[in-house]
Amino acid sequence: DSCNKKTNQKNLGTIKCSNLCTEIVQYSSPDEVAVCNLASMALNMFVENKTFNFNKLKEVTKIVTQNLNKIIDVNFYPVPEAKNSNMRHRPIGIGVQGLADTFVLMRIPYESEKAILLNQQIFETIYYGALEASCELAEKEGVYSTYEGSPASQGILQYDMWDKTPTDLWDWAALKKKIEKHGLRNSLLVAPMPTASTAQILGNSESFEPFTSNIYQRRVLSGEFPVVNHHLLTDLTQADLWDEEMKNLIIYNNGSIQDIEKIPKEIRDLYKTVWEIS
């Protein structure tokens, strides 16, 4: 299947399942319990004056890669099988939150061609930065135990296994030469997880998902209250369109603004919900 054909752990054996949220698939065996070592980055923090800072994203990705490697080394493992897996293969999973926020900040509709290209280049940058940091760690500390025989050890990266060609944003040929010389410290690198809790804490959209609604009821111990998409609230306030009537209109339309004609089309296009994107 695709999971086994396109994994950098294919040299270990057959992968039989994913983790709970399916962002990562890892090898497991009677003496190995696969472990997720995850971290997410808030993509909206890399937007400056409607421009995405790819260099900063790469820099932060490298720091995250280094930190996750430290976590593998100092972590507490409840069972020895989990420690066996982590120490042998050193898998990490770097994910994102706030992609929908990023598109709004850059005034790019989620389903536009510009959004497709930006999405691709964001994940190219994360993968490139993680590979570069993992290669630098391998140069200092050695490759992970089961590196030999992996696709990466043969010069095959993820995009090769998918028959895709990256954009010219980064120098992949130079990076492949470095990996050929020094190897990698980690068997897995990128795993976009749901970020349901962390995105809520930071006030971001979840993972790489579109907005599910532009207004909803939040339930807490003390009761419930309406929560409005704060980007939309800002845009409607600046357009002098936000008032009690507008709030009730959005609630009446179940969190959608597509049928509210007094809202300009360019704003409506930015705030299509997941149910309205083709």
C-alpha atoms as a PDB file:
ATOM      1  CA  ASP A   1       0.000   0.000   0.000  1.00  0.00           C
ATOM      2  CA  SER A   2       0.968   3.673  -0.236  1.00  0.00           C
ATOM      3  CA  CYS A   3       1.971   3.920   3.427  1.00  0.00           C
ATOM      4  CA  ASN A   4       4.612   1.228   2.991  1.00  0.00           C
ATOM      5  CA  LYS A   5       5.722   2.341  -0.481  1.00  0.00           C
ATOM      6  CA  LYS A   6       6.296   5.957   0.529  1.00  0.00           C
ATOM      7  CA  THR A   7       7.877   5.771   3.965  1.00  0.00           C
ATOM      8  CA  ASN A   8      11.509   6.291   4.882  1.00  0.00           C
ATOM      9  CA  GLN A   9      11.087   3.352   7.280  1.00  0.00           C
ATOM     10  CA  LYS A  10      10.352   0.844   4.505  1.00  0.00           C
ATOM     11  CA  ASN A  11      13.677  -0.899   5.179  1.00  0.00           C
ATOM     12  CA  LEU A  12      12.515  -1.886   8.691  1.00  0.00           C
ATOM     13  CA  GLY A  13       9.601  -4.110   7.712  1.00  0.00           C
ATOM     14  CA  THR A  14       5.871  -3.843   7.055  1.00  0.00           C
ATOM     15  CA  ILE A  15       4.039  -0.968   8.725  1.00  0.00           C
ATOM     16  CA  LYS A  16       0.707  -2.262  10.005  1.00  0.00           C
ATOM     17  CA  CYS A  17      -1.064   0.839  11.303  1.00  0.00           C
ATOM     18  CA  SER A  18      -0.900   4.579  11.843  1.00  0.00           C
ATOM     19  CA  ASN A  19      -1.016   6.438  15.116  1.00  0.00           C
ATOM     20  CA  LEU A  20      -4.318   7.650  16.600  1.00  0.00           C
ATOM     21  CA  CYS A  21      -4.686  10.789  14.466  1.00  0.00           C
ATOM     22  CA  THR A  22      -3.080   9.270  11.324  1.00  0.00           C
ATOM     23  CA  GLU A  23      -0.537  12.074  10.884  1.00  0.00           C
ATOM     24  CA  ILE A  24       2.315   9.592  11.091  1.00  0.00           C
ATOM     25  CA  VAL A  25       2.842   5.927  10.209  1.00  0.00           C
ATOM     26  CA  GLN A  26       5.659   4.072  11.919  1.00  0.00           C
ATOM     27  CA  TYR A  27       7.106   0.603  12.101  1.00  0.00           C
ATOM     28  CA  SER A  28       6.292  -1.458  15.188  1.00  0.00           C
ATOM     29  CA  SER A  29       7.183  -4.986  16.301  1.00  0.00           C
ATOM     30  CA  PRO A  30       6.975  -7.163  19.438  1.00  0.00           C
ATOM     31  CA  ASP A  31      10.030  -5.405  20.904  1.00  0.00           C
ATOM     32  CA  GLU A  32       9.225  -1.922  19.576  1.00  0.00           C
ATOM     33  CA  VAL A  33       6.326   0.402  20.416  1.00  0.00           C
ATOM     34  CA  ALA A  34       6.354   3.325  17.978  1.00  0.00           C
ATOM     35  CA  VAL A  35       6.460   6.782  19.577  1.00  0.00           C
ATOM     36  CA  CYS A  36       5.370  10.163  18.163  1.00  0.00           C
ATOM     37  CA  ASN A  37       7.679  13.062  19.031  1.00  0.00           C
ATOM     38  CA  LEU A  38       5.609  15.977  17.798  1.00  0.00           C
ATOM     39  CA  ALA A  39       5.730  19.772  17.618  1.00  0.00           C
ATOM     40  CA  SER A  40       3.654  22.269  15.654  1.00  0.00           C
ATOM     41  CA  MET A  41       4.499  25.732  14.355  1.00  0.00           C
ATOM     42  CA  ALA A  42       2.079  28.657  14.060  1.00  0.00           C
ATOM     43  CA  LEU A  43       2.355  29.612  10.395  1.00  0.00           C
ATOM     44  CA  ASN A  44       0.567  32.936  10.839  1.00  0.00           C
ATOM     45  CA  MET A  45       3.555  34.161  12.886  1.00  0.00           C
ATOM     46  CA  PHE A  46       5.686  34.123   9.736  1.00  0.00           C
ATOM     47  CA  VAL A  47       3.522  36.630   7.845  1.00  0.00           C
ATOM     48  CA  GLU A  48       5.005  40.132   7.667  1.00  0.00           C
ATOM     49  CA  ASN A  49       3.142  42.832   5.725  1.00  0.00           C
ATOM     50  CA  LYS A  50       1.227  40.232   3.684  1.00  0.00           C
ATOM     51  CA  THR A  51       4.503  38.465   2.805  1.00  0.00           C
ATOM     52  CA  PHE A  52       5.518  35.022   4.050  1.00  0.00           C
ATOM     53  CA  ASN A  53       9.007  34.795   5.570  1.00  0.00           C
ATOM     54  CA  PHE A  54      10.301  31.439   4.314  1.00  0.00           C
ATOM     55  CA  ASN A  55      13.806  31.997   5.682  1.00  0.00           C
ATOM     56  CA  LYS A  56      12.448  32.493   9.186  1.00  0.00           C
ATOM     57  CA  LEU A  57      10.281  29.383   8.851  1.00  0.00           C
ATOM     58  CA  LYS A  58      13.329  27.335   7.873  1.00  0.00           C
ATOM     59  CA  GLU A  59      15.308  28.742  10.790  1.00  0.00           C
ATOM     60  CA  VAL A  60      12.574  27.892  13.314  1.00  0.00           C
ATOM     61  CA  THR A  61      12.087  24.442  11.758  1.00  0.00           C
ATOM     62  CA  LYS A  62      15.759  23.692  12.360  1.00  0.00           C
ATOM     63  CA  ILE A  63      15.448  24.761  16.001  1.00  0.00           C
ATOM     64  CA  VAL A  64      12.355  22.564  16.429  1.00  0.00           C
ATOM     65  CA  THR A  65      14.235  19.614  14.893  1.00  0.00           C
ATOM     66  CA  GLN A  66      17.104  20.089  17.331  1.00  0.00           C
ATOM     67  CA  ASN A  67      14.742  20.374  20.298  1.00  0.00           C
ATOM     68  CA  LEU A  68      12.778  17.242  19.386  1.00  0.00           C
ATOM     69  CA  ASN A  69      16.044  15.324  19.179  1.00  0.00           C
ATOM     70  CA  LYS A  70      16.879  16.468  22.701  1.00  0.00           C
ATOM     71  CA  ILE A  71      13.443  15.326  23.864  1.00  0.00           C
ATOM     72  CA  ILE A  72      14.089  11.847  22.458  1.00  0.00           C
ATOM     73  CA  ASP A  73      17.285  11.646  24.517  1.00  0.00           C
ATOM     74  CA  VAL A  74      15.949  12.935  27.856  1.00  0.00           C
ATOM     75  CA  ASN A  75      12.371  11.653  27.739  1.00  0.00           C
ATOM     76  CA  PHE A  76      10.811   9.265  30.260  1.00  0.00           C
ATOM     77  CA  TYR A  77       9.704   6.017  28.643  1.00  0.00           C
ATOM     78  CA  PRO A  78       7.003   4.020  30.470  1.00  0.00           C
ATOM     79  CA  VAL A  79       7.980   0.753  28.749  1.00  0.00           C
ATOM     80  CA  PRO A  80      11.356  -0.386  27.331  1.00  0.00           C
ATOM     81  CA  GLU A  81       9.776  -1.209  23.957  1.00  0.00           C
ATOM     82  CA  ALA A  82       8.984   2.498  23.466  1.00  0.00           C
ATOM     83  CA  LYS A  83      12.549   3.504  24.271  1.00  0.00           C
ATOM     84  CA  ASN A  84      13.873   0.829  21.898  1.00  0.00           C
ATOM     85  CA  SER A  85      11.891   2.296  19.004  1.00  0.00           C
ATOM     86  CA  ASN A  86      12.725   5.916  19.711  1.00  0.00           C
ATOM     87  CA  MET A  87      16.442   5.331  20.147  1.00  0.00           C
ATOM     88  CA  ARG A  88      16.762   3.130  17.062  1.00  0.00           C
ATOM     89  CA  HIS A  89      14.816   5.218  14.575  1.00  0.00           C
ATOM     90  CA  ARG A  90      14.581   8.678  16.209  1.00  0.00           C
ATOM     91  CA  PRO A  91      11.328   9.678  14.446  1.00  0.00           C
ATOM     92  CA  ILE A  92      10.089  13.236  14.853  1.00  0.00           C
ATOM     93  CA  GLY A  93       6.931  14.857  13.519  1.00  0.00           C
ATOM     94  CA  ILE A  94       6.813  18.574  12.740  1.00  0.00           C
ATOM     95  CA  GLY A  95       3.368  19.954  11.985  1.00  0.00           C
ATOM     96  CA  VAL A  96       1.583  23.263  11.579  1.00  0.00           C
ATOM     97  CA  GLN A  97      -1.338  25.302  12.772  1.00  0.00           C
ATOM     98  CA  GLY A  98      -2.799  28.524  11.435  1.00  0.00           C
ATOM     99  CA  LEU A  99      -2.633  27.872   7.692  1.00  0.00           C
ATOM    100  CA  ALA A 100      -6.112  29.352   7.198  1.00  0.00           C
ATOM    101  CA  ASP A 101      -5.067  32.349   9.315  1.00  0.00           C
ATOM    102  CA  THR A 102      -1.997  32.733   7.107  1.00  0.00           C
ATOM    103  CA  PHE A 103      -4.093  32.865   3.944  1.00  0.00           C
ATOM    104  CA  VAL A 104      -6.363  35.518   5.477  1.00  0.00           C
ATOM    105  CA  LEU A 105      -3.424  37.657   6.625  1.00  0.00           C
ATOM    106  CA  MET A 106      -2.024  37.507   3.087  1.00  0.00           C
ATOM    107  CA  ARG A 107      -5.495  38.138   1.575  1.00  0.00           C
ATOM    108  CA  ILE A 108      -5.418  34.877  -0.364  1.00  0.00           C
ATOM    109  CA  PRO A 109      -8.615  32.782  -0.694  1.00  0.00           C
ATOM    110  CA  TYR A 110      -8.092  29.221   0.556  1.00  0.00           C
ATOM    111  CA  GLU A 111      -8.968  27.560  -2.760  1.00  0.00           C
ATOM    112  CA  SER A 112      -6.981  29.922  -5.016  1.00  0.00           C
ATOM    113  CA  GLU A 113      -3.927  29.002  -7.091  1.00  0.00           C
ATOM    114  CA  LYS A 114      -1.836  31.358  -4.952  1.00  0.00           C
ATOM    115  CA  ALA A 115      -2.880  29.435  -1.845  1.00  0.00           C
ATOM    116  CA  ILE A 116      -1.959  26.119  -3.460  1.00  0.00           C
ATOM    117  CA  LEU A 117       1.536  27.390  -4.309  1.00  0.00           C
ATOM    118  CA  LEU A 118       2.057  28.972  -0.886  1.00  0.00           C
ATOM    119  CA  ASN A 119       0.933  25.774   0.834  1.00  0.00           C
ATOM    120  CA  GLN A 120       3.400  23.759  -1.257  1.00  0.00           C
ATOM    121  CA  GLN A 121       6.296  26.095  -0.564  1.00  0.00           C
ATOM    122  CA  ILE A 122       5.540  26.219   3.163  1.00  0.00           C
ATOM    123  CA  PHE A 123       5.792  22.449   3.448  1.00  0.00           C
ATOM    124  CA  GLU A 124       8.814  22.325   1.137  1.00  0.00           C
ATOM    125  CA  THR A 125      10.496  24.757   3.522  1.00  0.00           C
ATOM    126  CA  ILE A 126       9.594  22.729   6.606  1.00  0.00           C
ATOM    127  CA  TYR A 127      10.831  19.500   5.020  1.00  0.00           C
ATOM    128  CA  TYR A 128      14.012  21.179   3.769  1.00  0.00           C
ATOM    129  CA  GLY A 129      14.772  22.770   7.131  1.00  0.00           C
ATOM    130  CA  ALA A 130      14.117  19.534   9.016  1.00  0.00           C
ATOM    131  CA  LEU A 131      16.323  17.551   6.629  1.00  0.00           C
ATOM    132  CA  GLU A 132      19.114  20.104   6.847  1.00  0.00           C
ATOM    133  CA  ALA A 133      19.041  20.149  10.662  1.00  0.00           C
ATOM    134  CA  SER A 134      18.841  16.344  10.856  1.00  0.00           C
ATOM    135  CA  CYS A 135      21.817  16.076   8.494  1.00  0.00           C
ATOM    136  CA  GLU A 136      23.831  18.537  10.584  1.00  0.00           C
ATOM    137  CA  LEU A 137      23.016  16.530  13.726  1.00  0.00           C
ATOM    138  CA  ALA A 138      24.074  13.335  11.962  1.00  0.00           C
ATOM    139  CA  GLU A 139      27.396  14.953  11.092  1.00  0.00           C
ATOM    140  CA  LYS A 140      27.975  15.686  14.801  1.00  0.00           C
ATOM    141  CA  GLU A 141      26.343  12.709  16.514  1.00  0.00           C
ATOM    142  CA  GLY A 142      26.020  10.035  13.846  1.00  0.00           C
ATOM    143  CA  VAL A 143      23.116   8.688  11.819  1.00  0.00           C
ATOM    144  CA  TYR A 144      20.197   6.924  13.490  1.00  0.00           C
ATOM    145  CA  SER A 145      20.808   3.193  14.034  1.00  0.00           C
ATOM    146  CA  THR A 146      18.678   1.880  11.166  1.00  0.00           C
ATOM    147  CA  TYR A 147      19.627   4.535   8.581  1.00  0.00           C
ATOM    148  CA  GLU A 148      21.466   2.189   6.215  1.00  0.00           C
ATOM    149  CA  GLY A 149      19.093   0.721   3.649  1.00  0.00           C
ATOM    150  CA  SER A 150      16.495   3.465   4.080  1.00  0.00           C
ATOM    151  CA  PRO A 151      15.339   5.430   1.026  1.00  0.00           C
ATOM    152  CA  ALA A 152      17.197   8.522   2.304  1.00  0.00           C
ATOM    153  CA  SER A 153      20.445   6.534   2.469  1.00  0.00           C
ATOM    154  CA  GLN A 154      19.951   5.824  -1.243  1.00  0.00           C
ATOM    155  CA  GLY A 155      19.328   9.471  -2.122  1.00  0.00           C
ATOM    156  CA  ILE A 156      15.541   9.070  -2.245  1.00  0.00           C
ATOM    157  CA  LEU A 157      13.525  11.762  -0.442  1.00  0.00           C
ATOM    158  CA  GLN A 158       9.773  12.089   0.067  1.00  0.00           C
ATOM    159  CA  TYR A 159       9.056  13.993  -3.131  1.00  0.00           C
ATOM    160  CA  ASP A 160      10.918  11.318  -5.124  1.00  0.00           C
ATOM    161  CA  MET A 161       8.613   8.630  -3.745  1.00  0.00           C
ATOM    162  CA  TRP A 162       5.599  10.680  -4.851  1.00  0.00           C
ATOM    163  CA  ASP A 163       7.088  11.479  -8.289  1.00  0.00           C
ATOM    164  CA  LYS A 164       6.853  15.208  -7.569  1.00  0.00           C
ATOM    165  CA  THR A 165       9.251  18.007  -8.447  1.00  0.00           C
ATOM    166  CA  PRO A 166       9.809  20.722  -5.823  1.00  0.00           C
ATOM    167  CA  THR A 167       9.739  24.389  -6.725  1.00  0.00           C
ATOM    168  CA  ASP A 168      13.039  26.241  -7.056  1.00  0.00           C
ATOM    169  CA  LEU A 169      12.682  27.878  -3.625  1.00  0.00           C
ATOM    170  CA  TRP A 170      15.500  25.741  -2.134  1.00  0.00           C
ATOM    171  CA  ASP A 171      18.620  23.985  -3.456  1.00  0.00           C
ATOM    172  CA  TRP A 172      17.607  20.329  -3.175  1.00  0.00           C
ATOM    173  CA  ALA A 173      20.600  19.030  -5.153  1.00  0.00           C
ATOM    174  CA  ALA A 174      23.041  20.564  -2.664  1.00  0.00           C
ATOM    175  CA  LEU A 175      21.075  19.172   0.276  1.00  0.00           C
ATOM    176  CA  LYS A 176      21.057  15.685  -1.248  1.00  0.00           C
ATOM    177  CA  LYS A 177      24.848  15.827  -1.531  1.00  0.00           C
ATOM    178  CA  LYS A 178      25.119  16.733   2.157  1.00  0.00           C
ATOM    179  CA  ILE A 179      22.802  13.871   3.105  1.00  0.00           C
ATOM    180  CA  GLU A 180      24.783  11.479   0.919  1.00  0.00           C
ATOM    181  CA  LYS A 181      27.918  12.471   2.851  1.00  0.00           C
ATOM    182  CA  HIS A 182      26.621  12.733   6.426  1.00  0.00           C
ATOM    183  CA  GLY A 183      23.265  10.903   6.495  1.00  0.00           C
ATOM    184  CA  LEU A 184      20.318  11.795   8.745  1.00  0.00           C
ATOM    185  CA  ARG A 185      19.758  11.715  12.491  1.00  0.00           C
ATOM    186  CA  ASN A 186      16.015  10.978  12.150  1.00  0.00           C
ATOM    187  CA  SER A 187      14.003   8.438  10.181  1.00  0.00           C
ATOM    188  CA  LEU A 188      10.856  10.600   9.991  1.00  0.00           C
ATOM    189  CA  LEU A 189      10.539  14.381  10.031  1.00  0.00           C
ATOM    190  CA  VAL A 190       7.178  15.898   9.037  1.00  0.00           C
ATOM    191  CA  ALA A 191       3.772  14.919  10.442  1.00  0.00           C
ATOM    192  CA  PRO A 192       0.949  17.496  10.226  1.00  0.00           C
ATOM    193  CA  MET A 193      -1.124  16.707  13.315  1.00  0.00           C
ATOM    194  CA  PRO A 194      -4.641  18.029  14.148  1.00  0.00           C
ATOM    195  CA  THR A 195      -3.446  20.609  16.764  1.00  0.00           C
ATOM    196  CA  ALA A 196      -6.961  20.689  18.266  1.00  0.00           C
ATOM    197  CA  SER A 197      -5.747  21.765  21.722  1.00  0.00           C
ATOM    198  CA  THR A 198      -2.665  23.854  20.932  1.00  0.00           C
ATOM    199  CA  ALA A 199      -4.390  25.832  18.170  1.00  0.00           C
ATOM    200  CA  GLN A 200      -7.223  26.665  20.574  1.00  0.00           C
ATOM    201  CA  ILE A 201      -4.726  27.820  23.209  1.00  0.00           C
ATOM    202  CA  LEU A 202      -2.961  30.094  20.705  1.00  0.00           C
ATOM    203  CA  GLY A 203      -6.173  31.252  19.027  1.00  0.00           C
ATOM    204  CA  ASN A 204      -5.237  29.840  15.618  1.00  0.00           C
ATOM    205  CA  SER A 205      -7.076  27.794  13.019  1.00  0.00           C
ATOM    206  CA  GLU A 206      -6.399  24.084  13.407  1.00  0.00           C
ATOM    207  CA  SER A 207      -3.593  22.416  11.476  1.00  0.00           C
ATOM    208  CA  PHE A 208      -3.839  23.027   7.711  1.00  0.00           C
ATOM    209  CA  GLU A 209      -7.659  22.995   7.809  1.00  0.00           C
ATOM    210  CA  PRO A 210     -10.018  25.712   6.530  1.00  0.00           C
ATOM    211  CA  PHE A 211     -12.261  27.459   9.051  1.00  0.00           C
ATOM    212  CA  THR A 212     -15.134  25.184  10.087  1.00  0.00           C
ATOM    213  CA  SER A 213     -17.374  28.140  10.981  1.00  0.00           C
ATOM    214  CA  ASN A 214     -17.121  31.900  11.324  1.00  0.00           C
ATOM    215  CA  ILE A 215     -19.160  31.949  14.526  1.00  0.00           C
ATOM    216  CA  TYR A 216     -19.947  29.208  17.014  1.00  0.00           C
ATOM    217  CA  GLN A 217     -21.038  28.625  20.611  1.00  0.00           C
ATOM    218  CA  ARG A 218     -18.228  27.879  23.058  1.00  0.00           C
ATOM    219  CA  ARG A 219     -19.277  25.837  26.097  1.00  0.00           C
ATOM    220  CA  VAL A 220     -17.357  26.149  29.369  1.00  0.00           C
ATOM    221  CA  LEU A 221     -18.173  25.328  33.000  1.00  0.00           C
ATOM    222  CA  SER A 222     -19.676  28.763  33.610  1.00  0.00           C
ATOM    223  CA  GLY A 223     -21.954  28.617  30.570  1.00  0.00           C
ATOM    224  CA  GLU A 224     -21.731  29.267  26.840  1.00  0.00           C
ATOM    225  CA  PHE A 225     -20.932  32.266  24.688  1.00  0.00           C
ATOM    226  CA  PRO A 226     -20.535  33.054  20.961  1.00  0.00           C
ATOM    227  CA  VAL A 227     -17.033  33.019  19.452  1.00  0.00           C
ATOM    228  CA  VAL A 228     -16.460  34.957  16.219  1.00  0.00           C
ATOM    229  CA  ASN A 229     -13.603  34.441  13.738  1.00  0.00           C
ATOM    230  CA  HIS A 230     -11.376  37.309  14.924  1.00  0.00           C
ATOM    231  CA  HIS A 231     -10.011  38.005  11.429  1.00  0.00           C
ATOM    232  CA  LEU A 232     -13.548  38.373  10.084  1.00  0.00           C
ATOM    233  CA  LEU A 233     -14.500  40.569  13.026  1.00  0.00           C
ATOM    234  CA  THR A 234     -11.577  42.880  12.210  1.00  0.00           C
ATOM    235  CA  ASP A 235     -12.468  43.056   8.509  1.00  0.00           C
ATOM    236  CA  LEU A 236     -16.157  43.729   9.154  1.00  0.00           C
ATOM    237  CA  THR A 237     -15.347  46.364  11.787  1.00  0.00           C
ATOM    238  CA  GLN A 238     -12.961  48.150   9.416  1.00  0.00           C
ATOM    239  CA  ALA A 239     -15.649  48.050   6.712  1.00  0.00           C
ATOM    240  CA  ASP A 240     -18.148  49.512   9.226  1.00  0.00           C
ATOM    241  CA  LEU A 241     -20.344  46.422   8.835  1.00  0.00           C
ATOM    242  CA  TRP A 242     -20.108  44.855  12.287  1.00  0.00           C
ATOM    243  CA  ASP A 243     -23.109  45.306  14.554  1.00  0.00           C
ATOM    244  CA  GLU A 244     -25.687  43.215  16.397  1.00  0.00           C
ATOM    245  CA  GLU A 245     -27.668  42.673  13.194  1.00  0.00           C
ATOM    246  CA  MET A 246     -24.596  41.335  11.369  1.00  0.00           C
ATOM    247  CA  LYS A 247     -23.782  39.000  14.252  1.00  0.00           C
ATOM    248  CA  ASN A 248     -27.319  37.604  14.170  1.00  0.00           C
ATOM    249  CA  LEU A 249     -27.189  37.253  10.371  1.00  0.00           C
ATOM    250  CA  ILE A 250     -24.040  35.127  10.601  1.00  0.00           C
ATOM    251  CA  ILE A 251     -25.602  33.013  13.358  1.00  0.00           C
ATOM    252  CA  TYR A 252     -28.767  32.627  11.257  1.00  0.00           C
ATOM    253  CA  ASN A 253     -26.577  31.403   8.357  1.00  0.00           C
ATOM    254  CA  ASN A 254     -24.896  28.809  10.605  1.00  0.00           C
ATOM    255  CA  GLY A 255     -21.538  30.569  10.626  1.00  0.00           C
ATOM    256  CA  SER A 256     -21.436  31.255   6.882  1.00  0.00           C
ATOM    257  CA  ILE A 257     -21.233  34.692   5.244  1.00  0.00           C
ATOM    258  CA  GLN A 258     -21.626  33.565   1.629  1.00  0.00           C
ATOM    259  CA  ASP A 259     -25.290  34.630   1.351  1.00  0.00           C
ATOM    260  CA  ILE A 260     -24.867  37.966   3.123  1.00  0.00           C
ATOM    261  CA  GLU A 261     -24.705  40.260   0.106  1.00  0.00           C
ATOM    262  CA  LYS A 262     -23.877  43.429   2.024  1.00  0.00           C
ATOM    263  CA  ILE A 263     -20.455  41.898   2.753  1.00  0.00           C
ATOM    264  CA  PRO A 264     -18.063  42.573  -0.189  1.00  0.00           C
ATOM    265  CA  LYS A 265     -17.236  39.544  -2.341  1.00  0.00           C
ATOM    266  CA  GLU A 266     -13.488  39.787  -1.656  1.00  0.00           C
ATOM    267  CA  ILE A 267     -14.219  39.335   2.054  1.00  0.00           C
ATOM    268  CA  ARG A 268     -16.705  36.527   1.447  1.00  0.00           C
ATOM    269  CA  ASP A 269     -14.118  34.693  -0.673  1.00  0.00           C
ATOM    270  CA  LEU A 270     -11.576  34.866   2.158  1.00  0.00           C
ATOM    271  CA  TYR A 271     -13.928  33.362   4.726  1.00  0.00           C
ATOM    272  CA  LYS A 272     -15.423  30.358   2.993  1.00  0.00           C
ATOM    273  CA  THR A 273     -15.823  27.549   5.498  1.00  0.00           C
ATOM    274  CA  VAL A 274     -14.723  23.975   4.980  1.00  0.00           C
ATOM    275  CA  TRP A 275     -18.282  23.136   3.882  1.00  0.00           C
ATOM    276  CA  GLU A 276     -18.143  25.726   1.076  1.00  0.00           C
ATOM    277  CA  ILE A 277     -14.775  24.943  -0.472  1.00  0.00           C
ATOM    278  CA  SER A 278     -14.958  22.728  -3.545  1.00  0.00           C
END
